Amino acid sequence: MKKILLVEDDKETRDGVYEFLKERRYHVVCAIDGEEALNLFENDRFDIVLLDIMLPKANGFVVLNHIRKKSNVPVLMLTAMNDEYTQIMSFDEQADDYITKPFSLLLLEKRIEALLRRSAVSPTPTLWKYKQSEVDFQGYSATHKNEKVDLKPKEILLLKLLLEHSGQMLTRNQILDHLWSDDAPMDRVIDVYIKNLRKKLQLDCIITVKGIGYKFEVTK
């Protein structure tokens, strides 16, 4: 059963969406303000977030920004504001979709289904090829121009992590949390690993987000 975080301060809208989605066999958890939404998101895992923009305590953009620092979970914005600026801002803040009130519950369901299909995680291939480089994630080995490249296991795991979150910015601390269970080194060690990956495999697909972290992105 897919779990949905529904963030909506209007009781009538919240109750209507909750009951409809419950009948459609979704597990729905509700938050009535931005602060409660942030607390719920920190302590649980959700398959999709339905997020109102005009919220007490912390507005929807604040909540969305926090979510995007930690997760690429699909976020569908629910709002009464249908102006172009608000819609553009939603997508600039990395919302996945946008629906204006009042909306059809059947249309909302279809939007949810589409986002869940698109977010289905594809497993990282055992053998990854990019231009003249190849990485075997199962064998922990790599080549560039058919020549063996000496990569540390953590460098290979870092590349795999970036691929699994393609297009999503990961902070140094997020990377440390994923790759070290304890005794994590200083966060600047990530910069060294990134530098090594770029140099050894000639990768131009690892993008620096200045002052924050890194993401995998293939530019045309």
Protein backbone atom coordinates (compact mmCIF):
# COMPACT_ATOMS: atom_id res chain seq x y z
CA MET A 1 0.00 0.00 0.00
CA LYS A 2 1.43 3.36 -1.06
CA LYS A 3 1.81 5.93 1.71
CA ILE A 4 0.82 9.55 1.05
CA LEU A 5 1.60 12.62 3.15
CA LEU A 6 -1.29 15.05 2.71
CA VAL A 7 -0.47 18.58 3.89
CA GLU A 8 -3.59 20.75 3.86
CA ASP A 9 -4.90 23.24 6.43
CA ASP A 10 -8.43 23.48 5.02
CA LYS A 11 -10.44 20.84 6.87
CA GLU A 12 -13.07 20.32 4.17
CA THR A 13 -10.48 19.78 1.44
CA ARG A 14 -8.30 17.64 3.71
CA ASP A 15 -11.17 15.40 4.81
CA GLY A 16 -12.48 15.01 1.26
CA VAL A 17 -9.09 14.03 -0.20
CA TYR A 18 -8.35 11.75 2.76
CA GLU A 19 -11.61 9.80 2.47
CA PHE A 20 -11.35 9.51 -1.31
CA LEU A 21 -7.77 8.24 -1.28
CA LYS A 22 -8.47 5.90 1.63
CA GLU A 23 -11.26 4.30 -0.45
CA ARG A 24 -8.71 3.94 -3.26
CA ARG A 25 -6.57 1.89 -0.85
CA TYR A 26 -3.87 4.46 -0.15
CA HIS A 27 -2.44 4.92 3.33
CA VAL A 28 -2.86 8.65 3.96
CA VAL A 29 -1.16 10.60 6.76
CA CYS A 30 -2.39 14.16 7.27
CA ALA A 31 -0.66 17.33 8.43
CA ILE A 32 -2.53 20.59 9.05
CA ASP A 33 0.45 22.98 8.90
CA GLY A 34 4.00 23.17 7.56
CA GLU A 35 5.66 22.49 10.89
CA GLU A 36 3.72 19.25 11.41
CA ALA A 37 4.50 18.22 7.83
CA LEU A 38 8.23 18.65 8.40
CA ASN A 39 8.10 16.59 11.60
CA LEU A 40 6.17 13.79 9.91
CA PHE A 41 8.50 13.75 6.92
CA GLU A 42 11.56 13.55 9.18
CA ASN A 43 10.24 10.51 11.00
CA ASP A 44 8.54 8.46 8.30
CA ARG A 45 8.86 7.38 4.68
CA PHE A 46 6.30 8.45 2.08
CA ASP A 47 5.78 7.47 -1.56
CA ILE A 48 4.32 10.86 -2.51
CA VAL A 49 3.55 14.22 -0.87
CA LEU A 50 0.44 16.31 -1.61
CA LEU A 51 1.39 19.78 -0.47
CA ASP A 52 -0.70 22.95 -0.11
CA ILE A 53 1.19 26.23 -0.57
CA MET A 54 -0.63 28.58 1.83
CA LEU A 55 0.02 26.88 5.18
CA PRO A 56 0.33 28.10 8.77
CA LYS A 57 3.72 28.01 10.57
CA ALA A 58 5.72 27.14 7.43
CA ASN A 59 4.42 27.65 3.89
CA GLY A 60 4.48 25.00 1.20
CA PHE A 61 7.62 26.33 -0.46
CA VAL A 62 9.54 26.10 2.82
CA VAL A 63 8.36 22.51 3.25
CA LEU A 64 9.20 21.66 -0.36
CA ASN A 65 12.68 23.15 -0.06
CA HIS A 66 13.33 21.04 3.05
CA ILE A 67 12.07 17.89 1.34
CA ARG A 68 14.29 18.45 -1.69
CA LYS A 69 17.38 18.69 0.50
CA LYS A 70 16.72 15.15 1.66
CA SER A 71 14.64 13.29 -0.90
CA ASN A 72 13.44 13.04 -4.48
CA VAL A 73 9.99 11.81 -3.40
CA PRO A 74 7.29 13.06 -5.83
CA VAL A 75 5.61 16.26 -4.63
CA LEU A 76 2.27 17.43 -6.03
CA MET A 77 1.35 21.00 -5.12
CA LEU A 78 -2.28 21.71 -4.17
CA THR A 79 -3.26 25.37 -4.23
CA ALA A 80 -6.01 27.87 -4.91
CA MET A 81 -3.49 30.15 -6.63
CA ASN A 82 -3.45 29.64 -10.39
CA ASP A 83 -1.24 32.55 -11.46
CA GLU A 84 1.74 31.84 -13.69
CA TYR A 85 4.29 33.10 -11.15
CA THR A 86 3.17 30.63 -8.47
CA GLN A 87 3.23 27.73 -10.91
CA ILE A 88 6.69 28.64 -12.19
CA MET A 89 7.97 29.04 -8.63
CA SER A 90 6.61 25.60 -7.75
CA PHE A 91 8.57 23.98 -10.55
CA ASP A 92 11.65 26.09 -9.82
CA GLU A 93 11.54 24.68 -6.29
CA GLN A 94 11.45 21.18 -7.86
CA ALA A 95 7.79 20.29 -7.42
CA ASP A 96 6.79 17.43 -9.73
CA ASP A 97 3.26 18.58 -10.54
CA TYR A 98 0.69 21.24 -9.73
CA ILE A 99 -3.09 21.18 -9.43
CA THR A 100 -5.39 24.12 -8.65
CA LYS A 101 -8.43 24.14 -6.37
CA PRO A 102 -11.16 23.25 -6.77
CA PHE A 103 -10.03 20.05 -8.48
CA SER A 104 -11.59 16.77 -9.49
CA LEU A 105 -10.70 13.94 -7.12
CA LEU A 106 -10.58 11.58 -10.10
CA LEU A 107 -8.08 13.88 -11.82
CA LEU A 108 -6.04 14.06 -8.60
CA GLU A 109 -5.95 10.26 -8.52
CA LYS A 110 -4.67 10.12 -12.10
CA ARG A 111 -1.96 12.70 -11.30
CA ILE A 112 -0.89 10.61 -8.30
CA GLU A 113 -0.79 7.42 -10.37
CA ALA A 114 1.32 9.13 -13.05
CA LEU A 115 3.83 10.47 -10.50
CA LEU A 116 4.13 7.08 -8.82
CA ARG A 117 4.81 5.42 -12.17
CA ARG A 118 7.48 7.98 -13.04
CA SER A 119 9.14 7.65 -9.64
CA ALA A 120 9.45 3.88 -9.75
CA VAL A 121 13.12 3.31 -9.01
CA SER A 122 15.08 1.56 -11.72
CA PRO A 123 17.94 -0.48 -10.24
CA THR A 124 21.39 0.79 -11.01
CA PRO A 125 22.88 -1.51 -13.69
CA THR A 126 25.70 -3.79 -12.64
CA LEU A 127 27.81 -2.46 -15.52
CA TRP A 128 27.58 1.29 -16.15
CA LYS A 129 29.00 2.84 -19.30
CA TYR A 130 29.57 6.53 -19.96
CA LYS A 131 31.48 7.68 -23.02
CA GLN A 132 34.86 5.90 -22.77
CA SER A 133 34.48 4.77 -19.17
CA GLU A 134 32.97 1.63 -17.65
CA VAL A 135 32.27 0.81 -14.02
CA ASP A 136 31.38 -2.64 -12.70
CA PHE A 137 29.49 -1.97 -9.47
CA GLN A 138 29.32 -5.64 -8.58
CA GLY A 139 33.00 -6.30 -9.18
CA TYR A 140 34.17 -2.92 -7.82
CA SER A 141 36.31 -2.28 -10.88
CA ALA A 142 36.53 0.39 -13.57
CA THR A 143 38.17 1.12 -16.91
CA HIS A 144 38.75 4.18 -19.07
CA LYS A 145 39.61 3.70 -22.74
CA ASN A 146 39.83 -0.02 -21.92
CA GLU A 147 42.61 0.67 -19.41
CA LYS A 148 42.09 -0.39 -15.80
CA VAL A 149 41.42 2.49 -13.41
CA ASP A 150 42.24 2.23 -9.72
CA LEU A 151 39.13 3.40 -7.83
CA LYS A 152 38.58 3.08 -4.11
CA PRO A 153 35.45 1.13 -3.07
CA LYS A 154 33.98 4.30 -1.52
CA GLU A 155 34.53 6.17 -4.80
CA ILE A 156 32.57 3.50 -6.64
CA LEU A 157 29.82 3.60 -4.00
CA LEU A 158 29.70 7.39 -4.29
CA LEU A 159 29.23 7.18 -8.05
CA LYS A 160 26.50 4.58 -7.58
CA LEU A 161 24.74 6.83 -5.05
CA LEU A 162 24.78 9.77 -7.46
CA LEU A 163 23.38 7.59 -10.24
CA GLU A 164 20.57 6.33 -8.00
CA HIS A 165 19.61 9.95 -7.32
CA SER A 166 20.13 11.21 -10.87
CA GLY A 167 19.15 14.87 -11.22
CA GLN A 168 18.85 15.34 -7.46
CA MET A 169 21.31 17.44 -5.51
CA LEU A 170 22.93 15.63 -2.59
CA THR A 171 24.65 17.57 0.16
CA ARG A 172 28.01 16.43 1.50
CA ASN A 173 26.34 15.42 4.76
CA GLN A 174 23.73 13.35 2.94
CA ILE A 175 26.51 11.55 1.08
CA LEU A 176 28.38 10.92 4.33
CA ASP A 177 25.21 9.53 5.93
CA HIS A 178 24.73 7.12 3.02
CA LEU A 179 28.32 5.90 2.75
CA TRP A 180 29.43 5.76 6.39
CA SER A 181 27.41 4.21 9.20
CA ASP A 182 29.81 5.58 11.82
CA ASP A 183 33.21 7.21 12.16
CA ALA A 184 32.47 9.42 9.16
CA PRO A 185 35.38 11.56 7.97
CA MET A 186 35.24 15.32 7.46
CA ASP A 187 32.78 16.28 4.72
CA ARG A 188 35.57 17.67 2.52
CA VAL A 189 36.71 14.11 1.81
CA ILE A 190 33.72 13.97 -0.55
CA ASP A 191 35.33 16.73 -2.62
CA VAL A 192 38.47 14.61 -2.96
CA TYR A 193 36.47 11.56 -4.07
CA ILE A 194 34.55 13.63 -6.61
CA LYS A 195 37.81 15.07 -7.95
CA ASN A 196 39.23 11.54 -8.31
CA LEU A 197 36.13 10.26 -10.13
CA ARG A 198 36.20 13.15 -12.57
CA LYS A 199 39.90 12.81 -13.24
CA LYS A 200 40.22 9.02 -13.42
CA LEU A 201 37.07 8.42 -15.50
CA GLN A 202 36.94 11.78 -17.31
CA LEU A 203 33.40 12.40 -16.07
CA ASP A 204 31.66 15.64 -16.96
CA CYS A 205 28.33 14.41 -15.61
CA ILE A 206 29.01 15.09 -11.92
CA ILE A 207 27.86 18.65 -11.34
CA THR A 208 28.96 20.83 -8.44
CA VAL A 209 26.22 22.74 -6.63
CA LYS A 210 28.41 25.49 -5.24
CA GLY A 211 28.73 25.50 -1.48
CA ILE A 212 26.20 22.68 -1.03
CA GLY A 213 26.97 19.39 -2.75
CA TYR A 214 26.83 17.44 -6.01
CA LYS A 215 24.45 15.82 -8.46
CA PHE A 216 24.61 13.51 -11.46
CA GLU A 217 23.32 15.17 -14.61
CA VAL A 218 23.95 14.42 -18.26
CA THR A 219 23.95 17.66 -20.24
CA LYS A 220 23.37 17.64 -23.97
